[in-house]
Amino acid sequence: MQTQHSHNDRHFSMSEPRLSNRQFESLKAQLKLLTPSQLRSLQGEIDENLSPGNSPLLTHEELDAIASLF
């Protein structure tokens, strides 16, 4: 089941079941254990979930690889 939630004037779909506040806080704490590369990968997935019709031409990893050439 899809539900619509509003946060700071943004609407997004969220599949149920949702995480409890305690589970969400635990997840945020686990993010601190990720490497910068893992965080960029996760950020790309989050960006895609927030705006699936507006995917970038290059991923964060690809942009980093290109930037490292210069």
N, C-alpha and C. Protein backbone atom coordinates (compact mmCIF):
# COMPACT_ATOMS: atom_id res chain seq x y z
N MET A 1 0.84 -1.18 0.00
CA MET A 1 0.00 0.00 0.00
C MET A 1 0.89 1.24 0.00
N GLN A 2 0.58 2.19 -0.85
CA GLN A 2 1.32 3.45 -0.93
C GLN A 2 0.55 4.54 -0.20
N THR A 3 1.26 5.35 0.58
CA THR A 3 0.65 6.49 1.24
C THR A 3 1.46 7.72 0.92
N GLN A 4 0.84 8.86 0.98
CA GLN A 4 1.51 10.13 0.72
C GLN A 4 1.80 10.81 2.04
N HIS A 5 3.03 11.28 2.20
CA HIS A 5 3.44 12.00 3.40
C HIS A 5 3.99 13.35 2.98
N SER A 6 3.81 14.35 3.81
CA SER A 6 4.32 15.68 3.53
C SER A 6 5.35 16.05 4.57
N HIS A 7 6.47 16.58 4.11
CA HIS A 7 7.53 17.04 5.00
C HIS A 7 8.16 18.27 4.37
N ASN A 8 8.05 19.40 5.05
CA ASN A 8 8.58 20.66 4.52
C ASN A 8 8.07 20.94 3.12
N ASP A 9 6.78 20.82 2.91
CA ASP A 9 6.13 21.09 1.64
C ASP A 9 6.55 20.14 0.52
N ARG A 10 7.17 19.02 0.84
CA ARG A 10 7.52 18.02 -0.16
C ARG A 10 6.62 16.82 0.04
N HIS A 11 6.15 16.25 -1.05
CA HIS A 11 5.31 15.05 -0.97
C HIS A 11 6.10 13.88 -1.53
N PHE A 12 6.04 12.77 -0.83
CA PHE A 12 6.73 11.58 -1.30
C PHE A 12 5.94 10.35 -0.92
N SER A 13 6.14 9.31 -1.70
CA SER A 13 5.47 8.04 -1.43
C SER A 13 6.33 7.20 -0.52
N MET A 14 5.67 6.47 0.34
CA MET A 14 6.40 5.59 1.23
C MET A 14 5.63 4.28 1.33
N SER A 15 6.32 3.20 1.08
CA SER A 15 5.69 1.89 1.19
C SER A 15 5.60 1.51 2.66
N GLU A 16 4.51 0.90 3.03
CA GLU A 16 4.36 0.42 4.39
C GLU A 16 4.96 -0.96 4.49
N PRO A 17 5.48 -1.46 5.56
CA PRO A 17 5.49 -0.80 6.86
C PRO A 17 6.64 0.19 6.98
N ARG A 18 6.44 1.18 7.80
CA ARG A 18 7.46 2.20 8.04
C ARG A 18 8.31 1.79 9.22
N LEU A 19 9.50 2.37 9.31
CA LEU A 19 10.37 2.14 10.46
C LEU A 19 9.84 2.89 11.67
N SER A 20 10.01 2.31 12.82
CA SER A 20 9.68 3.04 14.05
C SER A 20 10.75 4.11 14.25
N ASN A 21 10.49 5.06 15.13
CA ASN A 21 11.48 6.10 15.41
C ASN A 21 12.78 5.49 15.91
N ARG A 22 12.68 4.46 16.74
CA ARG A 22 13.87 3.82 17.29
C ARG A 22 14.67 3.13 16.18
N GLN A 23 13.99 2.45 15.26
CA GLN A 23 14.67 1.81 14.14
C GLN A 23 15.32 2.84 13.23
N PHE A 24 14.64 3.96 13.01
CA PHE A 24 15.19 5.01 12.17
C PHE A 24 16.45 5.61 12.80
N GLU A 25 16.42 5.86 14.08
CA GLU A 25 17.60 6.41 14.77
C GLU A 25 18.76 5.41 14.73
N SER A 26 18.45 4.13 14.85
CA SER A 26 19.48 3.09 14.76
C SER A 26 20.10 3.07 13.36
N LEU A 27 19.26 3.20 12.35
CA LEU A 27 19.74 3.24 10.98
C LEU A 27 20.66 4.44 10.76
N LYS A 28 20.26 5.59 11.27
CA LYS A 28 21.11 6.79 11.14
C LYS A 28 22.45 6.58 11.82
N ALA A 29 22.47 5.92 12.98
CA ALA A 29 23.73 5.66 13.68
C ALA A 29 24.61 4.73 12.86
N GLN A 30 24.00 3.77 12.18
CA GLN A 30 24.78 2.84 11.35
C GLN A 30 25.39 3.53 10.14
N LEU A 31 24.78 4.61 9.67
CA LEU A 31 25.33 5.34 8.53
C LEU A 31 26.73 5.87 8.83
N LYS A 32 26.99 6.16 10.08
CA LYS A 32 28.30 6.69 10.47
C LYS A 32 29.41 5.66 10.28
N LEU A 33 29.04 4.39 10.12
CA LEU A 33 30.02 3.33 9.93
C LEU A 33 30.38 3.13 8.46
N LEU A 34 29.64 3.77 7.56
CA LEU A 34 29.87 3.59 6.12
C LEU A 34 31.06 4.41 5.64
N THR A 35 31.70 3.92 4.59
CA THR A 35 32.81 4.65 3.97
C THR A 35 32.23 5.76 3.10
N PRO A 36 33.04 6.75 2.72
CA PRO A 36 32.55 7.80 1.82
C PRO A 36 31.99 7.22 0.51
N SER A 37 32.63 6.20 -0.02
CA SER A 37 32.14 5.58 -1.25
C SER A 37 30.77 4.94 -1.05
N GLN A 38 30.60 4.26 0.07
CA GLN A 38 29.31 3.64 0.37
C GLN A 38 28.23 4.70 0.58
N LEU A 39 28.58 5.81 1.22
CA LEU A 39 27.62 6.88 1.42
C LEU A 39 27.20 7.51 0.09
N ARG A 40 28.15 7.70 -0.83
CA ARG A 40 27.81 8.25 -2.14
C ARG A 40 26.88 7.31 -2.90
N SER A 41 27.15 6.01 -2.81
CA SER A 41 26.30 5.03 -3.46
C SER A 41 24.88 5.09 -2.89
N LEU A 42 24.79 5.14 -1.58
CA LEU A 42 23.49 5.24 -0.91
C LEU A 42 22.79 6.54 -1.29
N GLN A 43 23.55 7.62 -1.37
CA GLN A 43 22.97 8.91 -1.75
C GLN A 43 22.36 8.83 -3.14
N GLY A 44 23.03 8.16 -4.05
CA GLY A 44 22.49 7.99 -5.40
C GLY A 44 21.18 7.24 -5.39
N GLU A 45 21.10 6.21 -4.58
CA GLU A 45 19.86 5.44 -4.48
C GLU A 45 18.74 6.27 -3.86
N ILE A 46 19.08 7.05 -2.85
CA ILE A 46 18.08 7.91 -2.21
C ILE A 46 17.58 8.96 -3.20
N ASP A 47 18.52 9.59 -3.92
CA ASP A 47 18.13 10.58 -4.92
C ASP A 47 17.18 9.98 -5.95
N GLU A 48 17.48 8.77 -6.39
CA GLU A 48 16.63 8.10 -7.37
C GLU A 48 15.24 7.82 -6.81
N ASN A 49 15.16 7.44 -5.54
CA ASN A 49 13.86 7.17 -4.92
C ASN A 49 13.05 8.44 -4.71
N LEU A 50 13.72 9.56 -4.47
CA LEU A 50 13.00 10.81 -4.24
C LEU A 50 12.51 11.44 -5.54
N SER A 51 13.23 11.25 -6.62
CA SER A 51 12.79 11.81 -7.91
C SER A 51 13.14 10.82 -9.02
N PRO A 52 12.35 9.73 -9.13
CA PRO A 52 12.67 8.67 -10.08
C PRO A 52 12.65 9.10 -11.54
N GLY A 53 11.89 10.09 -11.90
CA GLY A 53 11.82 10.51 -13.30
C GLY A 53 12.92 11.48 -13.69
N ASN A 54 13.74 11.87 -12.74
CA ASN A 54 14.75 12.89 -12.99
C ASN A 54 16.14 12.36 -12.61
N SER A 55 16.52 11.21 -13.18
CA SER A 55 17.80 10.62 -12.82
C SER A 55 18.94 11.33 -13.53
N PRO A 56 20.08 11.51 -12.84
CA PRO A 56 21.22 12.20 -13.44
C PRO A 56 21.86 11.34 -14.53
N LEU A 57 22.59 12.01 -15.43
CA LEU A 57 23.26 11.29 -16.50
C LEU A 57 24.42 10.46 -15.96
N LEU A 58 25.10 10.96 -14.92
CA LEU A 58 26.23 10.26 -14.32
C LEU A 58 25.96 10.02 -12.84
N THR A 59 26.46 8.89 -12.34
CA THR A 59 26.34 8.61 -10.92
C THR A 59 27.40 9.39 -10.16
N HIS A 60 27.27 9.43 -8.84
CA HIS A 60 28.28 10.10 -8.02
C HIS A 60 29.65 9.45 -8.20
N GLU A 61 29.68 8.13 -8.32
CA GLU A 61 30.94 7.42 -8.52
C GLU A 61 31.58 7.81 -9.84
N GLU A 62 30.77 7.92 -10.88
CA GLU A 62 31.30 8.30 -12.19
C GLU A 62 31.83 9.74 -12.16
N LEU A 63 31.11 10.63 -11.50
CA LEU A 63 31.58 12.01 -11.37
C LEU A 63 32.90 12.07 -10.61
N ASP A 64 33.03 11.29 -9.54
CA ASP A 64 34.28 11.24 -8.78
C ASP A 64 35.43 10.72 -9.62
N ALA A 65 35.16 9.69 -10.42
CA ALA A 65 36.20 9.13 -11.28
C ALA A 65 36.67 10.16 -12.30
N ILE A 66 35.74 10.88 -12.89
CA ILE A 66 36.11 11.91 -13.87
C ILE A 66 36.89 13.03 -13.19
N ALA A 67 36.43 13.47 -12.02
CA ALA A 67 37.12 14.54 -11.29
C ALA A 67 38.53 14.14 -10.90
N SER A 68 38.76 12.85 -10.62
CA SER A 68 40.10 12.41 -10.22
C SER A 68 41.08 12.44 -11.38
N LEU A 69 40.60 12.55 -12.61
CA LEU A 69 41.49 12.60 -13.76
C LEU A 69 42.16 13.97 -13.91
N PHE A 70 41.60 14.98 -13.26
CA PHE A 70 42.13 16.34 -13.43
C PHE A 70 42.79 16.87 -12.20
